Amino acid sequence: MKARLFLYILLVYFTTNKSNTAAAQSVAGLTGKADTSFTTYSAFISTQKKFPDITIVPETHSEFVQELKNIPYCSFSNRVLKTDVFYTVSEKRIDRPAILIIHGGGWRSGNRSQHYPLAERLAAAGYVCFTPEYRLSTEALFPAAVYDIKAAIRWVRKNAMQYHIDTAKIVVLGFSAGGELAAFMGTTPNMPLFEGTACDTDMRSNVNAVIDIDGTLSFVHPDSREGDDSKRISAATNWFGYPKKENIKLWEAASPLSYVNGNTAPTLFINSAVAAMHAGREDYIKILTEHHIYSEVKEFEGAPHAFCLFDPWFEPTVQCILSFLKKVFP
């Protein structure tokens, strides 16, 4: 715990005393323009070269699933953050678990609509699903995205009665960059530095389960590829505004692995065959095990990074999620 407290203090230092760091934080990535480089279709074209039989998972729009789009969950200055809500239509007013689904795209690209098929599928299974947007690195640097997802969790908790949510069963699920954010939510519950100052700050942001689909656990782990700027500026460098070598303590303090402890939520890791995407996983699980916190791993042999967006991996991913949630919410 002392080591994690030290990292916490370091992050305060490196985000509030920028003039004292070795180099100034770069804002070159703050273009103010949406980066559309990562979409389901672009991932499909890239992945299909090696996996010609894959297909994009379509939206279902089932008559049994209600879909509410573009619901504001947090407003500040001139910015309104929105989420979509998916839930089954039922006469029974029972409280259900909530799942916040966080999209990937290197903290810079991607869109929440990429996970509408997953939200529809999980809603049909009885969960209330949310797909919140968050500020990407073209708009704001770390930890803005963390603030936004924390605000989304608080909003879900505040609106639990409206959507019939069991606030003891709130799940964060994310893919790639979204997986990293999901893990970060699970390891930093109610930590003041990461809460931000906007929207429902009287509510708590802790969650009860984490599902990390190929999301980074550590930006500084030896097996991680984050921070390689040799060919182009990496996604993480754009998000932090510092190359790793210029501010490695910030990179470490922004890693979910730095905060795993006895208060971390039970965690499911669903991984591709890309080893770098689960760097630090065993270290993470070891700490969970030491604190008797349940964890589970599902690794799809030979699967590409974006596997969860495509068949034949989509349905096995859904079944893995449902199985895990039945274990942690019996």
Protein backbone atom coordinates (compact mmCIF):
# COMPACT_ATOMS: atom_id res chain seq x y z
CA MET A 1 0.00 0.00 0.00
CA LYS A 2 2.88 2.40 0.68
CA ALA A 3 4.13 1.95 -2.88
CA ARG A 4 0.70 2.69 -4.27
CA LEU A 5 0.33 5.76 -2.05
CA PHE A 6 3.70 6.95 -3.36
CA LEU A 7 2.45 6.57 -6.94
CA TYR A 8 -0.68 8.48 -6.01
CA ILE A 9 1.40 11.36 -4.66
CA LEU A 10 3.61 11.27 -7.73
CA LEU A 11 0.60 11.58 -10.00
CA VAL A 12 -0.56 14.63 -8.05
CA TYR A 13 2.91 16.09 -8.49
CA PHE A 14 3.22 15.37 -12.18
CA THR A 15 -0.25 16.66 -13.05
CA THR A 16 -0.14 19.84 -10.97
CA ASN A 17 3.53 20.85 -11.20
CA LYS A 18 4.19 20.51 -14.90
CA SER A 19 6.75 23.30 -14.88
CA ASN A 20 8.97 21.17 -12.65
CA THR A 21 9.10 18.20 -15.00
CA ALA A 22 12.03 17.51 -17.30
CA ALA A 23 10.07 18.56 -20.39
CA ALA A 24 6.89 20.46 -21.07
CA GLN A 25 3.76 18.45 -21.69
CA SER A 26 2.94 18.32 -25.39
CA VAL A 27 -0.51 19.42 -26.51
CA ALA A 28 0.15 18.71 -30.18
CA GLY A 29 -2.32 15.86 -30.11
CA LEU A 30 -5.16 18.14 -29.02
CA THR A 31 -6.42 18.74 -32.53
CA GLY A 32 -10.03 19.33 -31.59
CA LYS A 33 -10.99 17.10 -34.50
CA ALA A 34 -12.42 13.59 -34.24
CA ASP A 35 -9.99 10.81 -35.12
CA THR A 36 -11.90 8.25 -37.17
CA SER A 37 -8.97 5.93 -37.86
CA PHE A 38 -10.37 3.12 -35.72
CA THR A 39 -13.80 1.84 -36.69
CA THR A 40 -15.30 -1.61 -36.77
CA TYR A 41 -15.03 -1.58 -40.55
CA SER A 42 -11.38 -0.47 -40.59
CA ALA A 43 -10.58 -3.19 -38.05
CA PHE A 44 -12.48 -5.67 -40.20
CA ILE A 45 -10.51 -4.81 -43.35
CA SER A 46 -7.24 -5.11 -41.45
CA THR A 47 -8.15 -8.33 -39.64
CA GLN A 48 -9.74 -10.01 -42.65
CA LYS A 49 -6.36 -10.25 -44.37
CA LYS A 50 -5.34 -12.95 -41.91
CA PHE A 51 -8.82 -14.20 -40.98
CA PRO A 52 -10.83 -14.21 -44.23
CA ASP A 53 -13.87 -15.95 -42.73
CA ILE A 54 -14.69 -13.36 -40.07
CA THR A 55 -17.90 -11.33 -40.18
CA ILE A 56 -18.94 -8.11 -38.46
CA VAL A 57 -21.48 -8.68 -35.68
CA PRO A 58 -24.67 -6.82 -36.66
CA GLU A 59 -27.04 -4.90 -34.41
CA THR A 60 -30.22 -6.85 -33.64
CA HIS A 61 -32.76 -4.21 -32.56
CA SER A 62 -34.85 -6.80 -30.79
CA GLU A 63 -38.44 -5.88 -29.97
CA PHE A 64 -37.72 -7.05 -26.41
CA VAL A 65 -34.85 -4.60 -25.84
CA GLN A 66 -35.52 -0.92 -25.31
CA GLU A 67 -32.82 1.38 -26.71
CA LEU A 68 -32.51 4.98 -25.54
CA LYS A 69 -29.89 7.03 -27.36
CA ASN A 70 -27.93 10.18 -26.54
CA ILE A 71 -28.90 10.58 -22.89
CA PRO A 72 -26.81 13.35 -21.23
CA TYR A 73 -24.92 12.07 -18.20
CA CYS A 74 -22.53 14.93 -17.44
CA SER A 75 -22.34 18.59 -18.50
CA PHE A 76 -19.59 21.12 -17.88
CA SER A 77 -18.53 24.32 -19.67
CA ASN A 78 -19.88 23.82 -23.20
CA ARG A 79 -19.45 20.04 -23.18
CA VAL A 80 -22.26 17.52 -22.79
CA LEU A 81 -21.27 13.87 -22.41
CA LYS A 82 -23.85 11.33 -23.50
CA THR A 83 -24.63 7.67 -23.05
CA ASP A 84 -27.00 5.15 -24.58
CA VAL A 85 -29.14 2.79 -22.50
CA PHE A 86 -30.24 -0.75 -23.36
CA TYR A 87 -32.61 -2.82 -21.23
CA THR A 88 -35.29 -5.47 -21.60
CA VAL A 89 -38.92 -4.47 -21.63
CA SER A 90 -40.65 -6.26 -18.79
CA GLU A 91 -43.64 -5.81 -16.52
CA LYS A 92 -41.56 -7.08 -13.60
CA ARG A 93 -39.92 -4.15 -11.82
CA ILE A 94 -36.96 -5.97 -10.35
CA ASP A 95 -33.58 -4.36 -9.87
CA ARG A 96 -30.92 -5.69 -12.23
CA PRO A 97 -27.15 -5.49 -12.58
CA ALA A 98 -25.82 -2.62 -14.70
CA ILE A 99 -22.99 -2.90 -17.22
CA LEU A 100 -21.10 0.12 -18.52
CA ILE A 101 -19.46 -0.78 -21.85
CA ILE A 102 -16.41 1.33 -22.74
CA HIS A 103 -15.18 1.41 -26.31
CA GLY A 104 -11.57 1.16 -27.45
CA GLY A 105 -9.49 3.03 -30.01
CA GLY A 106 -6.25 3.95 -28.28
CA TRP A 107 -7.87 6.65 -26.09
CA ARG A 108 -7.98 8.66 -29.34
CA SER A 109 -10.41 7.05 -31.76
CA GLY A 110 -13.32 4.61 -31.72
CA ASN A 111 -16.97 5.17 -30.91
CA ARG A 112 -19.46 3.84 -28.39
CA SER A 113 -21.70 2.59 -31.20
CA GLN A 114 -19.15 -0.15 -31.92
CA HIS A 115 -20.50 -2.03 -28.92
CA TYR A 116 -24.21 -1.67 -29.61
CA PRO A 117 -24.41 -5.38 -30.62
CA LEU A 118 -22.82 -6.37 -27.29
CA ALA A 119 -25.10 -4.04 -25.32
CA GLU A 120 -28.15 -5.47 -27.09
CA ARG A 121 -27.05 -9.03 -26.44
CA LEU A 122 -26.34 -8.46 -22.74
CA ALA A 123 -29.53 -6.45 -22.28
CA ALA A 124 -31.48 -9.35 -23.75
CA ALA A 125 -29.89 -11.53 -21.05
CA GLY A 126 -31.32 -9.29 -18.33
CA TYR A 127 -28.67 -6.62 -17.74
CA VAL A 128 -29.12 -2.86 -18.00
CA CYS A 129 -26.35 -1.70 -20.34
CA PHE A 130 -24.84 1.73 -20.87
CA THR A 131 -22.42 2.86 -23.58
CA PRO A 132 -20.98 6.18 -22.36
CA GLU A 133 -18.82 8.39 -24.51
CA TYR A 134 -15.70 9.92 -23.00
CA ARG A 135 -13.23 12.62 -24.01
CA LEU A 136 -10.55 11.25 -26.31
CA SER A 137 -6.98 12.51 -26.59
CA THR A 138 -7.86 14.81 -29.50
CA GLU A 139 -9.97 16.74 -26.99
CA ALA A 140 -8.37 16.30 -23.57
CA LEU A 141 -5.36 14.54 -22.08
CA PHE A 142 -5.24 12.00 -19.25
CA PRO A 143 -6.95 11.86 -16.78
CA ALA A 144 -9.99 13.46 -18.49
CA ALA A 145 -11.26 10.11 -19.80
CA VAL A 146 -10.96 8.67 -16.29
CA TYR A 147 -12.99 11.56 -14.89
CA ASP A 148 -15.67 10.97 -17.52
CA ILE A 149 -16.12 7.25 -16.88
CA LYS A 150 -16.16 7.87 -13.12
CA ALA A 151 -18.88 10.46 -13.74
CA ALA A 152 -20.81 7.92 -15.83
CA ILE A 153 -20.67 5.41 -12.97
CA ARG A 154 -21.89 8.03 -10.52
CA TRP A 155 -24.73 8.96 -12.90
CA VAL A 156 -25.78 5.32 -13.19
CA ARG A 157 -25.85 5.05 -9.42
CA LYS A 158 -27.84 8.28 -9.12
CA ASN A 159 -30.40 7.09 -11.69
CA ALA A 160 -30.65 3.55 -10.36
CA MET A 161 -34.34 3.82 -9.49
CA GLN A 162 -35.28 5.08 -12.95
CA TYR A 163 -33.58 2.18 -14.71
CA HIS A 164 -34.24 -0.42 -11.97
CA ILE A 165 -30.58 -1.04 -11.18
CA ASP A 166 -29.14 -2.97 -8.26
CA THR A 167 -26.39 -0.60 -7.11
CA ALA A 168 -24.52 -3.49 -5.49
CA LYS A 169 -24.07 -4.99 -8.95
CA ILE A 170 -22.44 -2.38 -11.16
CA VAL A 171 -20.02 -3.72 -13.78
CA VAL A 172 -17.51 -1.94 -16.01
CA LEU A 173 -16.60 -3.70 -19.23
CA GLY A 174 -14.20 -2.37 -21.80
CA PHE A 175 -12.31 -3.34 -24.92
CA SER A 176 -8.68 -2.30 -25.59
CA ALA A 177 -8.33 1.30 -24.33
CA GLY A 178 -11.76 0.80 -22.82
CA GLY A 179 -10.47 -2.32 -21.08
CA GLU A 180 -7.67 -0.28 -19.53
CA LEU A 181 -10.21 2.27 -18.33
CA ALA A 182 -12.41 -0.50 -16.94
CA ALA A 183 -9.48 -1.95 -14.99
CA PHE A 184 -8.62 1.53 -13.76
CA MET A 185 -12.18 1.93 -12.44
CA GLY A 186 -11.87 -1.35 -10.59
CA THR A 187 -8.56 -0.47 -8.94
CA THR A 188 -9.20 3.19 -7.97
CA PRO A 189 -12.65 3.18 -6.34
CA ASN A 190 -13.65 6.59 -4.96
CA MET A 191 -10.05 7.86 -5.11
CA PRO A 192 -10.44 11.68 -4.93
CA LEU A 193 -7.69 12.48 -7.42
CA PHE A 194 -9.45 10.54 -10.17
CA GLU A 195 -13.02 11.64 -9.51
CA GLY A 196 -12.88 15.04 -11.21
CA THR A 197 -14.99 17.95 -10.01
CA ALA A 198 -17.98 17.75 -12.36
CA CYS A 199 -21.29 15.89 -12.13
CA ASP A 200 -22.91 13.99 -9.27
CA THR A 201 -19.88 14.26 -7.00
CA ASP A 202 -22.08 13.34 -4.04
CA MET A 203 -22.32 9.80 -5.45
CA ARG A 204 -19.69 7.06 -5.28
CA SER A 205 -17.83 5.62 -8.26
CA ASN A 206 -16.90 2.16 -6.98
CA VAL A 207 -17.86 -0.86 -9.08
CA ASN A 208 -18.55 -4.47 -8.22
CA ALA A 209 -16.99 -6.30 -11.16
CA VAL A 210 -14.56 -5.59 -14.00
CA ILE A 211 -14.38 -7.19 -17.44
CA ASP A 212 -11.20 -6.27 -19.29
CA ILE A 213 -11.17 -7.32 -22.95
CA ASP A 214 -7.58 -6.99 -24.16
CA GLY A 215 -7.01 -3.77 -22.23
CA THR A 216 -3.60 -2.59 -21.05
CA LEU A 217 -2.88 -3.23 -17.37
CA SER A 218 0.47 -1.47 -17.21
CA PHE A 219 2.06 1.16 -19.43
CA VAL A 220 5.51 0.34 -18.07
CA HIS A 221 5.52 -3.47 -17.82
CA PRO A 222 8.50 -5.07 -19.65
CA ASP A 223 6.13 -7.04 -21.89
CA SER A 224 4.04 -4.04 -22.86
CA ARG A 225 4.43 -2.34 -26.23
CA GLU A 226 2.96 0.95 -25.04
CA GLY A 227 5.12 3.98 -25.70
CA ASP A 228 6.97 2.88 -28.84
CA ASP A 229 7.25 6.15 -30.77
CA SER A 230 9.87 4.91 -33.24
CA LYS A 231 7.53 4.88 -36.25
CA ARG A 232 4.81 7.29 -35.12
CA ILE A 233 3.61 8.83 -31.89
CA SER A 234 1.99 6.06 -29.87
CA ALA A 235 -1.55 6.22 -28.58
CA ALA A 236 -0.41 6.42 -24.96
CA THR A 237 2.10 9.19 -25.71
CA ASN A 238 -0.71 11.23 -27.27
CA TRP A 239 -2.91 10.56 -24.24
CA PHE A 240 -0.31 11.57 -21.65
CA GLY A 241 1.38 14.34 -23.62
CA TYR A 242 4.75 12.90 -22.62
CA PRO A 243 6.93 10.19 -24.18
CA LYS A 244 7.54 7.42 -21.68
CA LYS A 245 11.21 8.30 -21.15
CA GLU A 246 10.36 11.91 -20.30
CA ASN A 247 7.80 11.15 -17.59
CA ILE A 248 7.82 7.45 -16.78
CA LYS A 249 6.41 8.05 -13.29
CA LEU A 250 3.24 9.47 -14.79
CA TRP A 251 2.96 6.41 -17.07
CA GLU A 252 3.40 4.16 -14.05
CA ALA A 253 0.93 6.11 -11.95
CA ALA A 254 -1.64 5.88 -14.75
CA SER A 255 -1.41 2.06 -14.88
CA PRO A 256 -4.19 -0.04 -13.31
CA LEU A 257 -1.59 -2.53 -12.10
CA SER A 258 -0.15 0.15 -9.81
CA TYR A 259 -3.33 0.22 -7.71
CA VAL A 260 -4.51 -3.38 -7.36
CA ASN A 261 -5.31 -4.09 -3.72
CA GLY A 262 -7.84 -5.62 -1.37
CA ASN A 263 -10.57 -3.25 -2.56
CA THR A 264 -10.25 -4.17 -6.23
CA ALA A 265 -13.35 -5.64 -7.84
CA PRO A 266 -13.50 -9.25 -9.09
CA THR A 267 -12.08 -9.26 -12.59
CA LEU A 268 -12.54 -11.22 -15.81
CA PHE A 269 -9.77 -11.00 -18.40
CA ILE A 270 -10.81 -11.89 -21.95
CA ASN A 271 -7.78 -11.86 -24.20
CA SER A 272 -6.64 -12.31 -27.76
CA ALA A 273 -3.47 -14.16 -28.68
CA VAL A 274 -1.57 -10.84 -28.75
CA ALA A 275 0.65 -11.29 -25.69
CA ALA A 276 1.47 -7.60 -25.33
CA MET A 277 -2.21 -6.83 -24.73
CA HIS A 278 -2.21 -8.72 -21.45
CA ALA A 279 1.20 -7.69 -20.15
CA GLY A 280 1.11 -7.66 -16.36
CA ARG A 281 -1.96 -9.88 -16.15
CA GLU A 282 -0.30 -12.53 -14.01
CA ASP A 283 1.11 -9.89 -11.66
CA TYR A 284 -2.38 -8.41 -11.37
CA ILE A 285 -3.99 -11.79 -10.69
CA LYS A 286 -1.35 -12.64 -8.07
CA ILE A 287 -2.33 -9.58 -6.04
CA LEU A 288 -6.03 -10.37 -6.40
CA THR A 289 -5.39 -13.92 -5.22
CA GLU A 290 -3.43 -12.71 -2.21
CA HIS A 291 -6.54 -10.77 -1.18
CA HIS A 292 -8.91 -13.67 -1.98
CA ILE A 293 -10.55 -11.72 -4.82
CA TYR A 294 -12.01 -13.80 -7.62
CA SER A 295 -10.54 -13.55 -11.11
CA GLU A 296 -10.88 -15.50 -14.31
CA VAL A 297 -9.05 -15.65 -17.65
CA LYS A 298 -10.37 -16.55 -21.07
CA GLU A 299 -7.80 -16.42 -23.85
CA PHE A 300 -8.87 -17.15 -27.42
CA GLU A 301 -6.11 -19.10 -29.10
CA GLY A 302 -4.91 -17.45 -32.28
CA ALA A 303 -7.42 -14.60 -32.03
CA PRO A 304 -6.58 -11.06 -33.23
CA HIS A 305 -6.80 -8.01 -30.99
CA ALA A 306 -10.21 -6.86 -32.24
CA PHE A 307 -11.75 -10.34 -31.90
CA CYS A 308 -14.75 -9.24 -29.81
CA LEU A 309 -16.15 -7.19 -32.70
CA PHE A 310 -16.40 -10.19 -35.01
CA ASP A 311 -17.80 -13.64 -35.43
CA PRO A 312 -16.75 -16.38 -34.69
CA TRP A 313 -15.52 -14.91 -31.37
CA PHE A 314 -18.46 -12.69 -30.42
CA GLU A 315 -20.87 -15.30 -29.06
CA PRO A 316 -18.18 -17.19 -27.04
CA THR A 317 -17.19 -13.81 -25.59
CA VAL A 318 -20.78 -13.13 -24.57
CA GLN A 319 -21.10 -16.56 -22.97
CA CYS A 320 -17.87 -16.02 -21.07
CA ILE A 321 -19.17 -12.68 -19.75
CA LEU A 322 -22.51 -14.17 -18.68
CA SER A 323 -20.82 -17.11 -16.97
CA PHE A 324 -18.51 -14.83 -15.02
CA LEU A 325 -21.31 -12.53 -13.89
CA LYS A 326 -23.37 -15.47 -12.66
CA LYS A 327 -20.42 -16.43 -10.46
CA VAL A 328 -19.80 -12.99 -8.96
CA PHE A 329 -23.53 -12.17 -8.65
CA PRO A 330 -25.05 -15.50 -7.65
